[in-house]
PDB file of N, CA and C in Angstrom:
ATOM      1  N   MET A   1       0.805  -1.124  -0.037  1.00  0.00           N
ATOM      2  CA  MET A   1      -0.098   0.087  -0.074  1.00  0.00           C
ATOM      3  C   MET A   1       1.126   1.229   0.294  1.00  0.00           C
ATOM      4  N   ARG A   2       2.005   1.126   0.363  1.00  0.00           N
ATOM      5  CA  ARG A   2       3.089   2.194   0.588  1.00  0.00           C
ATOM      6  C   ARG A   2       3.383   2.590  -0.238  1.00  0.00           C
ATOM      7  N   TRP A   3       3.912   1.745  -1.314  1.00  0.00           N
ATOM      8  CA  TRP A   3       3.884   1.895  -3.211  1.00  0.00           C
ATOM      9  C   TRP A   3       2.940   2.432  -3.753  1.00  0.00           C
ATOM     10  N   VAL A   4       1.653   2.342  -3.226  1.00  0.00           N
ATOM     11  CA  VAL A   4       0.811   3.152  -4.008  1.00  0.00           C
ATOM     12  C   VAL A   4       0.508   4.485  -3.741  1.00  0.00           C
ATOM     13  N   HIS A   5       0.667   4.790  -2.202  1.00  0.00           N
ATOM     14  CA  HIS A   5       0.729   6.217  -2.056  1.00  0.00           C
ATOM     15  C   HIS A   5       1.813   6.785  -2.808  1.00  0.00           C
ATOM     16  N   LEU A   6       3.228   6.462  -2.399  1.00  0.00           N
ATOM     17  CA  LEU A   6       4.157   6.614  -3.112  1.00  0.00           C
ATOM     18  C   LEU A   6       3.794   6.904  -4.276  1.00  0.00           C
ATOM     19  N   THR A   7       3.554   6.346  -5.394  1.00  0.00           N
ATOM     20  CA  THR A   7       3.291   6.711  -6.916  1.00  0.00           C
ATOM     21  C   THR A   7       2.486   7.268  -7.297  1.00  0.00           C
ATOM     22  N   ALA A   8       1.498   7.327  -6.145  1.00  0.00           N
ATOM     23  CA  ALA A   8       0.645   8.780  -6.359  1.00  0.00           C
ATOM     24  C   ALA A   8       1.183   9.959  -6.031  1.00  0.00           C
ATOM     25  N   ILE A   9       1.647  10.105  -5.375  1.00  0.00           N
ATOM     26  CA  ILE A   9       2.243  11.292  -4.798  1.00  0.00           C
ATOM     27  C   ILE A   9       3.198  11.926  -6.220  1.00  0.00           C
ATOM     28  N   VAL A  10       4.300  10.632  -6.891  1.00  0.00           N
ATOM     29  CA  VAL A  10       5.104  10.967  -7.784  1.00  0.00           C
ATOM     30  C   VAL A  10       4.357  11.528  -9.007  1.00  0.00           C
ATOM     31  N   LEU A  11       3.147  10.779  -9.085  1.00  0.00           N
ATOM     32  CA  LEU A  11       2.159  11.556 -10.385  1.00  0.00           C
ATOM     33  C   LEU A  11       1.825  13.180 -10.332  1.00  0.00           C
ATOM     34  N   ILE A  12       1.197  12.897  -8.757  1.00  0.00           N
ATOM     35  CA  ILE A  12       0.828  14.131  -8.540  1.00  0.00           C
ATOM     36  C   ILE A  12       1.840  15.728  -8.798  1.00  0.00           C
ATOM     37  N   VAL A  13       2.890  15.221  -8.155  1.00  0.00           N
ATOM     38  CA  VAL A  13       4.141  16.320  -8.348  1.00  0.00           C
ATOM     39  C   VAL A  13       4.680  16.413 -10.096  1.00  0.00           C
ATOM     40  N   ALA A  14       4.550  15.421 -10.601  1.00  0.00           N
ATOM     41  CA  ALA A  14       4.991  15.838 -12.262  1.00  0.00           C
ATOM     42  C   ALA A  14       4.076  16.231 -12.642  1.00  0.00           C
ATOM     43  N   VAL A  15       2.426  16.261 -12.346  1.00  0.00           N
ATOM     44  CA  VAL A  15       1.544  16.775 -12.928  1.00  0.00           C
ATOM     45  C   VAL A  15       1.438  18.484 -12.689  1.00  0.00           C
ATOM     46  N   ILE A  16       2.260  18.841 -11.292  1.00  0.00           N
ATOM     47  CA  ILE A  16       2.338  20.162 -10.916  1.00  0.00           C
ATOM     48  C   ILE A  16       3.373  20.768 -11.792  1.00  0.00           C
ATOM     49  N   VAL A  17       4.468  19.895 -11.448  1.00  0.00           N
ATOM     50  CA  VAL A  17       5.732  20.545 -12.239  1.00  0.00           C
ATOM     51  C   VAL A  17       5.206  20.769 -13.833  1.00  0.00           C
ATOM     52  N   LEU A  18       5.056  19.955 -14.584  1.00  0.00           N
ATOM     53  CA  LEU A  18       4.626  19.876 -15.844  1.00  0.00           C
ATOM     54  C   LEU A  18       3.516  21.233 -16.097  1.00  0.00           C
ATOM     55  N   PHE A  19       2.662  21.509 -14.850  1.00  0.00           N
ATOM     56  CA  PHE A  19       1.651  22.564 -15.320  1.00  0.00           C
ATOM     57  C   PHE A  19       2.477  24.011 -15.266  1.00  0.00           C
ATOM     58  N   CYS A  20       3.392  24.076 -14.020  1.00  0.00           N
ATOM     59  CA  CYS A  20       4.140  24.944 -13.942  1.00  0.00           C
ATOM     60  C   CYS A  20       4.707  25.179 -15.040  1.00  0.00           C
ATOM     61  N   LEU A  21       5.473  24.247 -15.749  1.00  0.00           N
ATOM     62  CA  LEU A  21       6.380  24.631 -16.866  1.00  0.00           C
ATOM     63  C   LEU A  21       5.698  24.968 -18.079  1.00  0.00           C
ATOM     64  N   GLN A  22       4.546  24.566 -18.408  1.00  0.00           N
ATOM     65  CA  GLN A  22       3.937  24.717 -19.426  1.00  0.00           C
ATOM     66  C   GLN A  22       3.136  26.267 -19.356  1.00  0.00           C
ATOM     67  N   ASN A  23       3.000  27.167 -18.260  1.00  0.00           N
ATOM     68  CA  ASN A  23       2.355  27.981 -17.975  1.00  0.00           C
ATOM     69  C   ASN A  23       3.209  29.262 -17.251  1.00  0.00           C
ATOM     70  N   LEU A  24       4.117  29.519 -18.020  1.00  0.00           N
ATOM     71  CA  LEU A  24       5.038  30.714 -17.679  1.00  0.00           C
ATOM     72  C   LEU A  24       4.952  32.095 -18.162  1.00  0.00           C
ATOM     73  N   GLU A  25       3.840  32.292 -19.030  1.00  0.00           N
ATOM     74  CA  GLU A  25       3.708  33.628 -19.761  1.00  0.00           C
ATOM     75  C   GLU A  25       2.900  34.410 -18.783  1.00  0.00           C
ATOM     76  N   LEU A  26       3.460  35.438 -18.654  1.00  0.00           N
ATOM     77  CA  LEU A  26       2.711  36.672 -17.603  1.00  0.00           C
ATOM     78  C   LEU A  26       1.120  36.860 -17.800  1.00  0.00           C
ATOM     79  N   VAL A  27       0.499  36.866 -16.623  1.00  0.00           N
ATOM     80  CA  VAL A  27      -0.817  37.398 -16.827  1.00  0.00           C
ATOM     81  C   VAL A  27      -1.057  38.516 -15.493  1.00  0.00           C
ATOM     82  N   THR A  28      -2.213  39.453 -15.446  1.00  0.00           N
ATOM     83  CA  THR A  28      -2.352  40.329 -14.741  1.00  0.00           C
ATOM     84  C   THR A  28      -3.723  39.996 -13.746  1.00  0.00           C
ATOM     85  N   MET A  29      -3.447  39.949 -12.904  1.00  0.00           N
ATOM     86  CA  MET A  29      -4.658  39.523 -11.868  1.00  0.00           C
ATOM     87  C   MET A  29      -5.333  40.986 -11.045  1.00  0.00           C
ATOM     88  N   SER A  30      -5.993  41.181 -11.341  1.00  0.00           N
ATOM     89  CA  SER A  30      -7.005  42.505 -10.514  1.00  0.00           C
ATOM     90  C   SER A  30      -7.799  42.539  -9.662  1.00  0.00           C
ATOM     91  N   PHE A  31      -7.687  42.849  -8.103  1.00  0.00           N
ATOM     92  CA  PHE A  31      -8.550  42.866  -7.513  1.00  0.00           C
ATOM     93  C   PHE A  31      -8.715  44.108  -6.814  1.00  0.00           C
ATOM     94  N   LEU A  32     -10.172  44.620  -6.878  1.00  0.00           N
ATOM     95  CA  LEU A  32     -10.342  45.993  -6.594  1.00  0.00           C
ATOM     96  C   LEU A  32      -9.472  46.841  -7.060  1.00  0.00           C
ATOM     97  N   ARG A  33      -8.502  47.735  -6.376  1.00  0.00           N
ATOM     98  CA  ARG A  33      -7.066  48.377  -6.824  1.00  0.00           C
ATOM     99  C   ARG A  33      -6.056  48.300  -6.944  1.00  0.00           C
ATOM    100  N   PHE A  34      -5.846  46.698  -6.894  1.00  0.00           N
ATOM    101  CA  PHE A  34      -4.363  45.973  -6.352  1.00  0.00           C
ATOM    102  C   PHE A  34      -4.281  45.326  -7.686  1.00  0.00           C
ATOM    103  N   SER A  35      -3.012  45.598  -8.553  1.00  0.00           N
ATOM    104  CA  SER A  35      -2.896  44.567  -9.613  1.00  0.00           C
ATOM    105  C   SER A  35      -1.679  43.884  -9.356  1.00  0.00           C
ATOM    106  N   VAL A  36      -1.408  42.495  -9.846  1.00  0.00           N
ATOM    107  CA  VAL A  36      -0.180  41.808  -9.797  1.00  0.00           C
ATOM    108  C   VAL A  36       0.003  41.213 -11.318  1.00  0.00           C
ATOM    109  N   ARG A  37       1.137  41.593 -11.760  1.00  0.00           N
ATOM    110  CA  ARG A  37       1.682  40.589 -13.047  1.00  0.00           C
ATOM    111  C   ARG A  37       2.472  39.951 -12.598  1.00  0.00           C
ATOM    112  N   ALA A  38       2.444  38.342 -12.914  1.00  0.00           N
ATOM    113  CA  ALA A  38       3.166  37.184 -12.518  1.00  0.00           C
ATOM    114  C   ALA A  38       3.077  36.190 -13.268  1.00  0.00           C
ATOM    115  N   PRO A  39       3.620  35.009 -13.357  1.00  0.00           N
ATOM    116  CA  PRO A  39       3.570  34.036 -14.353  1.00  0.00           C
ATOM    117  C   PRO A  39       1.972  32.928 -13.634  1.00  0.00           C
ATOM    118  N   LEU A  40       1.462  32.526 -14.707  1.00  0.00           N
ATOM    119  CA  LEU A  40       0.078  32.193 -14.156  1.00  0.00           C
ATOM    120  C   LEU A  40       0.430  31.078 -13.529  1.00  0.00           C
ATOM    121  N   ALA A  41       1.202  30.157 -13.297  1.00  0.00           N
ATOM    122  CA  ALA A  41       1.430  28.869 -12.726  1.00  0.00           C
ATOM    123  C   ALA A  41       1.882  29.520 -11.212  1.00  0.00           C
ATOM    124  N   VAL A  42       2.521  30.288 -11.129  1.00  0.00           N
ATOM    125  CA  VAL A  42       2.497  31.233  -9.417  1.00  0.00           C
ATOM    126  C   VAL A  42       1.573  31.847  -8.983  1.00  0.00           C
ATOM    127  N   LEU A  43       0.794  32.265  -9.584  1.00  0.00           N
ATOM    128  CA  LEU A  43      -1.025  32.538  -9.074  1.00  0.00           C
ATOM    129  C   LEU A  43      -1.833  31.635  -8.850  1.00  0.00           C
ATOM    130  N   ALA A  44      -1.885  30.483  -9.556  1.00  0.00           N
ATOM    131  CA  ALA A  44      -2.406  29.510  -9.202  1.00  0.00           C
ATOM    132  C   ALA A  44      -1.560  28.780  -7.912  1.00  0.00           C
ATOM    133  N   VAL A  45      -0.633  28.653  -7.650  1.00  0.00           N
ATOM    134  CA  VAL A  45       0.015  28.508  -6.459  1.00  0.00           C
ATOM    135  C   VAL A  45      -0.411  28.915  -5.610  1.00  0.00           C
ATOM    136  N   VAL A  46      -0.541  30.431  -5.485  1.00  0.00           N
ATOM    137  CA  VAL A  46      -0.710  31.264  -4.524  1.00  0.00           C
ATOM    138  C   VAL A  46      -2.190  31.502  -3.976  1.00  0.00           C
ATOM    139  N   ALA A  47      -2.947  31.018  -4.943  1.00  0.00           N
ATOM    140  CA  ALA A  47      -4.831  30.747  -4.910  1.00  0.00           C
ATOM    141  C   ALA A  47      -5.057  29.546  -4.266  1.00  0.00           C
ATOM    142  N   TYR A  48      -4.026  28.083  -4.609  1.00  0.00           N
ATOM    143  CA  TYR A  48      -4.022  27.216  -4.024  1.00  0.00           C
ATOM    144  C   TYR A  48      -4.067  27.054  -2.205  1.00  0.00           C
ATOM    145  N   PHE A  49      -2.770  27.654  -2.106  1.00  0.00           N
ATOM    146  CA  PHE A  49      -2.796  27.918  -0.578  1.00  0.00           C
ATOM    147  C   PHE A  49      -3.362  28.760  -0.230  1.00  0.00           C
ATOM    148  N   LEU A  50      -3.984  29.725  -0.129  1.00  0.00           N
ATOM    149  CA  LEU A  50      -5.019  30.877   0.056  1.00  0.00           C
ATOM    150  C   LEU A  50      -6.064  29.965   0.600  1.00  0.00           C
ATOM    151  N   GLY A  51      -6.790  29.188  -0.358  1.00  0.00           N
ATOM    152  CA  GLY A  51      -7.572  28.055  -0.297  1.00  0.00           C
ATOM    153  C   GLY A  51      -7.391  27.174   0.787  1.00  0.00           C
ATOM    154  N   THR A  52      -6.322  26.867   0.627  1.00  0.00           N
ATOM    155  CA  THR A  52      -6.027  25.395   1.843  1.00  0.00           C
ATOM    156  C   THR A  52      -6.270  26.118   3.278  1.00  0.00           C
ATOM    157  N   MET A  53      -5.454  27.146   3.133  1.00  0.00           N
ATOM    158  CA  MET A  53      -5.270  27.538   4.636  1.00  0.00           C
ATOM    159  C   MET A  53      -6.755  28.418   4.972  1.00  0.00           C
ATOM    160  N   THR A  54      -7.734  28.847   4.173  1.00  0.00           N
ATOM    161  CA  THR A  54      -8.911  29.294   4.838  1.00  0.00           C
ATOM    162  C   THR A  54      -9.857  27.836   5.010  1.00  0.00           C
ATOM    163  N   GLY A  55      -9.585  26.968   4.042  1.00  0.00           N
ATOM    164  CA  GLY A  55     -10.264  25.718   4.293  1.00  0.00           C
ATOM    165  C   GLY A  55      -9.972  24.988   5.544  1.00  0.00           C
ATOM    166  N   ALA A  56      -8.725  25.405   6.243  1.00  0.00           N
ATOM    167  CA  ALA A  56      -8.198  24.752   7.396  1.00  0.00           C
ATOM    168  C   ALA A  56      -8.846  25.563   8.722  1.00  0.00           C
ATOM    169  N   THR A  57      -8.284  26.772   8.025  1.00  0.00           N
ATOM    170  CA  THR A  57      -9.639  27.306   9.468  1.00  0.00           C
ATOM    171  C   THR A  57     -10.887  27.158   9.909  1.00  0.00           C
ATOM    172  N   LEU A  58     -11.297  27.081   8.427  1.00  0.00           N
ATOM    173  CA  LEU A  58     -12.983  26.760   8.431  1.00  0.00           C
ATOM    174  C   LEU A  58     -13.486  25.254   9.379  1.00  0.00           C
ATOM    175  N   LEU A  59     -11.959  24.708   8.967  1.00  0.00           N
ATOM    176  CA  LEU A  59     -12.758  23.188   9.300  1.00  0.00           C
ATOM    177  C   LEU A  59     -12.370  23.025  10.952  1.00  0.00           C
ATOM    178  N   ALA A  60     -10.903  24.135  11.504  1.00  0.00           N
ATOM    179  CA  ALA A  60     -10.626  24.129  13.332  1.00  0.00           C
ATOM    180  C   ALA A  60     -12.084  25.178  13.810  1.00  0.00           C
ATOM    181  N   LEU A  61     -12.547  25.944  13.012  1.00  0.00           N
ATOM    182  CA  LEU A  61     -13.630  26.385  13.545  1.00  0.00           C
ATOM    183  C   LEU A  61     -15.104  25.676  14.055  1.00  0.00           C
ATOM    184  N   VAL A  62     -15.355  24.468  12.849  1.00  0.00           N
ATOM    185  CA  VAL A  62     -16.446  23.572  12.938  1.00  0.00           C
ATOM    186  C   VAL A  62     -15.917  22.889  13.828  1.00  0.00           C
ATOM    187  N   ARG A  63     -14.725  22.366  13.917  1.00  0.00           N
ATOM    188  CA  ARG A  63     -14.263  21.098  15.174  1.00  0.00           C
ATOM    189  C   ARG A  63     -14.878  22.041  16.792  1.00  0.00           C
ATOM    190  N   ARG A  64     -13.941  23.010  16.562  1.00  0.00           N
ATOM    191  CA  ARG A  64     -14.205  23.671  17.853  1.00  0.00           C
ATOM    192  C   ARG A  64     -15.659  24.012  17.884  1.00  0.00           C
ATOM    193  N   SER A  65     -16.351  24.039  17.133  1.00  0.00           N
ATOM    194  CA  SER A  65     -18.078  24.155  17.499  1.00  0.00           C
ATOM    195  C   SER A  65     -18.859  22.778  18.171  1.00  0.00           C
ATOM    196  N   VAL A  66     -18.439  22.462  17.342  1.00  0.00           N
ATOM    197  CA  VAL A  66     -18.943  20.696  17.749  1.00  0.00           C
ATOM    198  C   VAL A  66     -18.731  20.376  18.993  1.00  0.00           C
ATOM    199  N   ARG A  67     -16.848  20.842  19.535  1.00  0.00           N
ATOM    200  CA  ARG A  67     -16.784  20.338  20.383  1.00  0.00           C
ATOM    201  C   ARG A  67     -17.277  20.797  21.775  1.00  0.00           C
ATOM    202  N   GLY A  68     -17.300  22.362  21.850  1.00  0.00           N
ATOM    203  CA  GLY A  68     -18.254  22.826  22.630  1.00  0.00           C
ATOM    204  C   GLY A  68     -19.816  22.546  22.734  1.00  0.00           C
ATOM    205  N   ALA A  69     -19.956  22.451  21.749  1.00  0.00           N
ATOM    206  CA  ALA A  69     -21.820  22.135  21.535  1.00  0.00           C
ATOM    207  C   ALA A  69     -22.382  20.717  22.533  1.00  0.00           C
ATOM    208  N   ARG A  70     -21.134  20.048  22.564  1.00  0.00           N
ATOM    209  CA  ARG A  70     -21.493  18.279  23.063  1.00  0.00           C
ATOM    210  C   ARG A  70     -21.806  18.626  24.330  1.00  0.00           C
ATOM    211  N   PRO A  71     -22.537  18.067  24.977  1.00  0.00           N
ATOM    212  CA  PRO A  71     -22.884  17.940  26.584  1.00  0.00           C
ATOM    213  C   PRO A  71     -21.979  17.231  27.516  1.00  0.00           C
ATOM    214  N   SER A  72     -21.595  18.191  28.518  1.00  0.00           N
ATOM    215  CA  SER A  72     -20.234  17.466  29.255  1.00  0.00           C
ATOM    216  C   SER A  72     -20.728  15.954  30.062  1.00  0.00           C
TER     217      SER A  72
END
């Protein structure tokens, strides 16, 4: 089973590296009056990490709420 997980991780990393290598052209992202010009791959990775942090924070909040709602 360890080899299956290792193979899956290697394939996912390979796909991410391939995506980054194929998306090096500069794009402009604008939000309100803030504007950033960076490679598409960099912006995608930043968006992914922001989403991960948001999801982890939400999950922690829900867990804390469930624990607090349980009767003692």
